[in-house]
């Protein structure tokens, strides 16, 4: 359980910190493509 909470927290903090270095429009585009990329990677790694 600690691994899940710690892993999620670290990923979230890295995401928030990275927003200082990119524009808001790029952040929106990357957020919109996240589910698509997750689906593609799940097919690649789990199939």
PDB file of N, CA and C in Angstrom:
ATOM      1  N   UNK A   1       0.824  -1.185   0.000  1.00  0.00           N
ATOM      2  CA  UNK A   1       0.000   0.000   0.000  1.00  0.00           C
ATOM      3  C   UNK A   1       0.874   1.257   0.000  1.00  0.00           C
ATOM      4  N   UNK A   2       1.961   1.202   0.723  1.00  0.00           N
ATOM      5  CA  UNK A   2       2.859   2.356   0.774  1.00  0.00           C
ATOM      6  C   UNK A   2       3.499   2.594  -0.587  1.00  0.00           C
ATOM      7  N   UNK A   3       3.798   1.521  -1.310  1.00  0.00           N
ATOM      8  CA  UNK A   3       4.403   1.658  -2.639  1.00  0.00           C
ATOM      9  C   UNK A   3       3.447   2.387  -3.579  1.00  0.00           C
ATOM     10  N   UNK A   4       2.170   2.062  -3.512  1.00  0.00           N
ATOM     11  CA  UNK A   4       1.173   2.707  -4.368  1.00  0.00           C
ATOM     12  C   UNK A   4       1.049   4.182  -4.030  1.00  0.00           C
ATOM     13  N   UNK A   5       0.928   4.491  -2.768  1.00  0.00           N
ATOM     14  CA  UNK A   5       0.776   5.885  -2.342  1.00  0.00           C
ATOM     15  C   UNK A   5       2.034   6.683  -2.651  1.00  0.00           C
ATOM     16  N   UNK A   6       3.185   6.123  -2.371  1.00  0.00           N
ATOM     17  CA  UNK A   6       4.443   6.822  -2.623  1.00  0.00           C
ATOM     18  C   UNK A   6       4.676   7.017  -4.116  1.00  0.00           C
ATOM     19  N   UNK A   7       4.421   5.992  -4.910  1.00  0.00           N
ATOM     20  CA  UNK A   7       4.603   6.104  -6.357  1.00  0.00           C
ATOM     21  C   UNK A   7       3.680   7.136  -6.981  1.00  0.00           C
ATOM     22  N   UNK A   8       2.422   7.150  -6.547  1.00  0.00           N
ATOM     23  CA  UNK A   8       1.469   8.131  -7.057  1.00  0.00           C
ATOM     24  C   UNK A   8       1.855   9.536  -6.625  1.00  0.00           C
ATOM     25  N   UNK A   9       2.272   9.691  -5.392  1.00  0.00           N
ATOM     26  CA  UNK A   9       2.652  11.014  -4.887  1.00  0.00           C
ATOM     27  C   UNK A   9       3.858  11.570  -5.628  1.00  0.00           C
ATOM     28  N   UNK A  10       4.851  10.745  -5.858  1.00  0.00           N
ATOM     29  CA  UNK A  10       6.052  11.198  -6.563  1.00  0.00           C
ATOM     30  C   UNK A  10       5.715  11.585  -7.997  1.00  0.00           C
ATOM     31  N   UNK A  11       4.907  10.768  -8.674  1.00  0.00           N
ATOM     32  CA  UNK A  11       4.517  11.086 -10.053  1.00  0.00           C
ATOM     33  C   UNK A  11       3.732  12.390 -10.107  1.00  0.00           C
ATOM     34  N   UNK A  12       2.830  12.597  -9.168  1.00  0.00           N
ATOM     35  CA  UNK A  12       2.038  13.826  -9.129  1.00  0.00           C
ATOM     36  C   UNK A  12       2.930  15.040  -8.874  1.00  0.00           C
ATOM     37  N   UNK A  13       3.865  14.936  -7.963  1.00  0.00           N
ATOM     38  CA  UNK A  13       4.757  16.054  -7.662  1.00  0.00           C
ATOM     39  C   UNK A  13       5.659  16.388  -8.850  1.00  0.00           C
ATOM     40  N   UNK A  14       6.132  15.382  -9.556  1.00  0.00           N
ATOM     41  CA  UNK A  14       6.938  15.623 -10.756  1.00  0.00           C
ATOM     42  C   UNK A  14       6.101  16.309 -11.822  1.00  0.00           C
ATOM     43  N   UNK A  15       4.848  15.886 -11.978  1.00  0.00           N
ATOM     44  CA  UNK A  15       3.954  16.511 -12.959  1.00  0.00           C
ATOM     45  C   UNK A  15       3.725  17.982 -12.615  1.00  0.00           C
ATOM     46  N   UNK A  16       3.452  18.277 -11.368  1.00  0.00           N
ATOM     47  CA  UNK A  16       3.216  19.662 -10.945  1.00  0.00           C
ATOM     48  C   UNK A  16       4.480  20.498 -11.130  1.00  0.00           C
ATOM     49  N   UNK A  17       5.639  19.949 -10.800  1.00  0.00           N
ATOM     50  CA  UNK A  17       6.892  20.690 -10.962  1.00  0.00           C
ATOM     51  C   UNK A  17       7.198  20.948 -12.431  1.00  0.00           C
ATOM     52  N   UNK A  18       6.831  20.015 -13.297  1.00  0.00           N
ATOM     53  CA  UNK A  18       7.111  20.197 -14.725  1.00  0.00           C
ATOM     54  C   UNK A  18       6.243  21.272 -15.353  1.00  0.00           C
ATOM     55  N   UNK A  19       5.130  21.611 -14.741  1.00  0.00           N
ATOM     56  CA  UNK A  19       4.258  22.654 -15.286  1.00  0.00           C
ATOM     57  C   UNK A  19       4.928  24.024 -15.270  1.00  0.00           C
ATOM     58  N   UNK A  20       5.956  24.189 -14.477  1.00  0.00           N
ATOM     59  CA  UNK A  20       6.694  25.458 -14.458  1.00  0.00           C
ATOM     60  C   UNK A  20       7.529  25.655 -15.717  1.00  0.00           C
ATOM     61  N   UNK A  21       7.802  24.586 -16.449  1.00  0.00           N
ATOM     62  CA  UNK A  21       8.720  24.651 -17.583  1.00  0.00           C
ATOM     63  C   UNK A  21       8.037  24.570 -18.947  1.00  0.00           C
ATOM     64  N   UNK A  22       6.731  24.291 -18.989  1.00  0.00           N
ATOM     65  CA  UNK A  22       6.023  24.210 -20.264  1.00  0.00           C
ATOM     66  C   UNK A  22       4.826  25.146 -20.244  1.00  0.00           C
ATOM     67  N   UNK A  23       4.308  25.456 -21.421  1.00  0.00           N
ATOM     68  CA  UNK A  23       3.158  26.357 -21.507  1.00  0.00           C
ATOM     69  C   UNK A  23       1.879  25.618 -21.110  1.00  0.00           C
ATOM     70  N   UNK A  24       0.855  26.392 -20.805  1.00  0.00           N
ATOM     71  CA  UNK A  24      -0.406  25.783 -20.391  1.00  0.00           C
ATOM     72  C   UNK A  24      -1.076  25.042 -21.546  1.00  0.00           C
ATOM     73  N   UNK A  25      -0.903  25.535 -22.766  1.00  0.00           N
ATOM     74  CA  UNK A  25      -1.503  24.838 -23.907  1.00  0.00           C
ATOM     75  C   UNK A  25      -0.840  23.481 -24.137  1.00  0.00           C
ATOM     76  N   UNK A  26       0.467  23.411 -23.990  1.00  0.00           N
ATOM     77  CA  UNK A  26       1.163  22.130 -24.132  1.00  0.00           C
ATOM     78  C   UNK A  26       0.756  21.172 -23.012  1.00  0.00           C
ATOM     79  N   UNK A  27       0.596  21.688 -21.810  1.00  0.00           N
ATOM     80  CA  UNK A  27       0.158  20.840 -20.699  1.00  0.00           C
ATOM     81  C   UNK A  27      -1.230  20.274 -20.970  1.00  0.00           C
ATOM     82  N   UNK A  28      -2.112  21.081 -21.538  1.00  0.00           N
ATOM     83  CA  UNK A  28      -3.449  20.601 -21.879  1.00  0.00           C
ATOM     84  C   UNK A  28      -3.427  19.531 -22.944  1.00  0.00           C
ATOM     85  N   UNK A  29      -2.589  19.717 -23.954  1.00  0.00           N
ATOM     86  CA  UNK A  29      -2.475  18.721 -25.026  1.00  0.00           C
ATOM     87  C   UNK A  29      -1.921  17.409 -24.476  1.00  0.00           C
ATOM     88  N   UNK A  30      -0.893  17.491 -23.658  1.00  0.00           N
ATOM     89  CA  UNK A  30      -0.313  16.274 -23.085  1.00  0.00           C
ATOM     90  C   UNK A  30      -1.304  15.553 -22.178  1.00  0.00           C
ATOM     91  N   UNK A  31      -2.095  16.310 -21.427  1.00  0.00           N
ATOM     92  CA  UNK A  31      -3.097  15.709 -20.553  1.00  0.00           C
ATOM     93  C   UNK A  31      -4.189  15.028 -21.365  1.00  0.00           C
ATOM     94  N   UNK A  32      -4.549  15.622 -22.511  1.00  0.00           N
ATOM     95  CA  UNK A  32      -5.585  15.028 -23.358  1.00  0.00           C
ATOM     96  C   UNK A  32      -5.114  13.724 -23.994  1.00  0.00           C
ATOM     97  N   UNK A  33      -3.832  13.607 -24.301  1.00  0.00           N
ATOM     98  CA  UNK A  33      -3.307  12.403 -24.940  1.00  0.00           C
ATOM     99  C   UNK A  33      -2.897  11.318 -23.945  1.00  0.00           C
ATOM    100  N   UNK A  34      -2.954  11.604 -22.671  1.00  0.00           N
ATOM    101  CA  UNK A  34      -2.528  10.623 -21.672  1.00  0.00           C
ATOM    102  C   UNK A  34      -3.353   9.331 -21.718  1.00  0.00           C
ATOM    103  N   UNK A  35      -4.690   9.372 -21.789  1.00  0.00           N
ATOM    104  CA  UNK A  35      -5.441   8.107 -21.865  1.00  0.00           C
ATOM    105  C   UNK A  35      -5.155   7.315 -23.143  1.00  0.00           C
ATOM    106  N   UNK A  36      -4.957   8.016 -24.250  1.00  0.00           N
ATOM    107  CA  UNK A  36      -4.650   7.340 -25.511  1.00  0.00           C
ATOM    108  C   UNK A  36      -3.308   6.627 -25.409  1.00  0.00           C
ATOM    109  N   UNK A  37      -2.322   7.316 -24.875  1.00  0.00           N
ATOM    110  CA  UNK A  37      -1.000   6.718 -24.714  1.00  0.00           C
ATOM    111  C   UNK A  37      -1.042   5.542 -23.738  1.00  0.00           C
ATOM    112  N   UNK A  38      -1.828   5.660 -22.682  1.00  0.00           N
ATOM    113  CA  UNK A  38      -1.953   4.557 -21.729  1.00  0.00           C
ATOM    114  C   UNK A  38      -2.568   3.330 -22.388  1.00  0.00           C
ATOM    115  N   UNK A  39      -3.563   3.531 -23.239  1.00  0.00           N
ATOM    116  CA  UNK A  39      -4.181   2.402 -23.940  1.00  0.00           C
ATOM    117  C   UNK A  39      -3.195   1.743 -24.899  1.00  0.00           C
ATOM    118  N   UNK A  40      -2.451   2.555 -25.629  1.00  0.00           N
ATOM    119  CA  UNK A  40      -1.473   2.011 -26.581  1.00  0.00           C
ATOM    120  C   UNK A  40      -0.378   1.242 -25.849  1.00  0.00           C
ATOM    121  N   UNK A  41       0.145   1.823 -24.783  1.00  0.00           N
ATOM    122  CA  UNK A  41       1.210   1.145 -24.041  1.00  0.00           C
ATOM    123  C   UNK A  41       0.716  -0.123 -23.355  1.00  0.00           C
ATOM    124  N   UNK A  42      -0.545  -0.142 -22.918  1.00  0.00           N
ATOM    125  CA  UNK A  42      -1.070  -1.359 -22.299  1.00  0.00           C
ATOM    126  C   UNK A  42      -1.179  -2.487 -23.315  1.00  0.00           C
ATOM    127  N   UNK A  43      -1.545  -2.155 -24.547  1.00  0.00           N
ATOM    128  CA  UNK A  43      -1.598  -3.179 -25.593  1.00  0.00           C
ATOM    129  C   UNK A  43      -0.192  -3.682 -25.904  1.00  0.00           C
ATOM    130  N   UNK A  44       0.771  -2.763 -25.963  1.00  0.00           N
ATOM    131  CA  UNK A  44       2.143  -3.150 -26.296  1.00  0.00           C
ATOM    132  C   UNK A  44       2.741  -4.045 -25.211  1.00  0.00           C
ATOM    133  N   UNK A  45       2.568  -3.654 -23.952  1.00  0.00           N
ATOM    134  CA  UNK A  45       3.231  -4.390 -22.879  1.00  0.00           C
ATOM    135  C   UNK A  45       2.446  -5.598 -22.378  1.00  0.00           C
ATOM    136  N   UNK A  46       1.132  -5.595 -22.523  1.00  0.00           N
ATOM    137  CA  UNK A  46       0.337  -6.689 -21.973  1.00  0.00           C
ATOM    138  C   UNK A  46      -0.133  -7.694 -23.015  1.00  0.00           C
ATOM    139  N   UNK A  47       0.049  -7.364 -24.268  1.00  0.00           N
ATOM    140  CA  UNK A  47      -0.415  -8.295 -25.317  1.00  0.00           C
ATOM    141  C   UNK A  47       0.705  -9.192 -25.795  1.00  0.00           C
TER     142      UNK A  47
END
